[in-house]
Amino acid sequence: MADFPTSMRKPTRKEMRMQQIVEMLNKDARAQLTEISRTLDIPTSTVFDYMKDIKRNYEFTMIRKGL
């Protein structure tokens, strides 16, 4: 996760968890909720809710690697 300048607010726990979920999905887009839940030590239902928030509030672009 990026370092935040002192003039910026510190990210919330939820924002940090959402960032961790995105990073895991970046490594393996087919990761299961239960796998993410176990890795981050949070309930599966929380992962599901965070993923809904991510999908609703953020835009993603796919880039093919290795060309």
Protein backbone atom coordinates (compact mmCIF):
# COMPACT_ATOMS: atom_id res chain seq x y z
CA MET A 1 0.00 0.00 0.00
CA ALA A 2 1.24 3.49 -0.81
CA ASP A 3 2.61 5.78 1.87
CA PHE A 4 0.36 8.74 2.53
CA PRO A 5 1.80 12.24 2.99
CA THR A 6 1.23 13.65 6.46
CA SER A 7 -1.18 16.24 5.05
CA MET A 8 -3.51 13.49 3.82
CA ARG A 9 -5.81 11.52 6.08
CA LYS A 10 -4.90 8.02 7.08
CA PRO A 11 -6.89 5.35 5.20
CA THR A 12 -9.64 3.67 7.20
CA ARG A 13 -9.45 0.01 8.16
CA LYS A 14 -12.13 -0.74 5.55
CA GLU A 15 -10.18 1.08 2.83
CA MET A 16 -7.04 -0.84 3.76
CA ARG A 17 -8.93 -4.17 3.62
CA MET A 18 -10.47 -3.25 0.27
CA GLN A 19 -6.99 -2.46 -1.06
CA GLN A 20 -5.76 -5.85 0.15
CA ILE A 21 -8.66 -7.57 -1.62
CA VAL A 22 -7.90 -5.74 -4.87
CA GLU A 23 -4.23 -6.70 -4.59
CA MET A 24 -5.17 -10.36 -4.08
CA LEU A 25 -7.51 -10.28 -7.07
CA ASN A 26 -4.79 -8.61 -9.14
CA LYS A 27 -2.59 -11.65 -8.48
CA ASP A 28 -5.41 -14.16 -9.00
CA ALA A 29 -8.65 -12.80 -10.44
CA ARG A 30 -10.34 -16.16 -9.82
CA ALA A 31 -9.57 -16.27 -6.09
CA GLN A 32 -12.50 -17.55 -4.07
CA LEU A 33 -14.15 -15.55 -1.31
CA THR A 34 -13.20 -18.21 1.23
CA GLU A 35 -9.54 -18.06 0.20
CA ILE A 36 -9.50 -14.26 0.52
CA SER A 37 -11.32 -14.54 3.83
CA ARG A 38 -8.78 -16.99 5.26
CA THR A 39 -5.79 -15.02 4.01
CA LEU A 40 -7.02 -11.70 5.44
CA ASP A 41 -8.55 -13.31 8.54
CA ILE A 42 -11.95 -11.66 8.07
CA PRO A 43 -15.41 -13.23 7.65
CA THR A 44 -16.46 -14.34 4.16
CA SER A 45 -19.56 -12.14 4.42
CA THR A 46 -17.33 -9.11 5.01
CA VAL A 47 -15.23 -9.95 1.95
CA PHE A 48 -18.46 -10.25 -0.06
CA ASP A 49 -19.71 -6.86 1.18
CA TYR A 50 -16.35 -5.18 0.49
CA MET A 51 -16.26 -6.64 -3.01
CA LYS A 52 -19.75 -5.24 -3.68
CA ASP A 53 -18.51 -1.81 -2.53
CA ILE A 54 -15.41 -2.10 -4.71
CA LYS A 55 -17.48 -3.01 -7.75
CA ARG A 56 -19.97 -0.21 -7.10
CA ASN A 57 -17.46 2.57 -6.36
CA TYR A 58 -14.37 1.90 -8.48
CA GLU A 59 -13.57 1.48 -12.15
CA PHE A 60 -11.01 -1.05 -13.36
CA THR A 61 -9.07 -1.48 -16.56
CA MET A 62 -7.65 -4.81 -17.69
CA ILE A 63 -4.19 -4.86 -19.25
CA ARG A 64 -2.84 -8.00 -20.88
CA LYS A 65 0.66 -8.82 -19.70
CA GLY A 66 3.45 -10.49 -21.61
CA LEU A 67 3.03 -9.10 -25.08
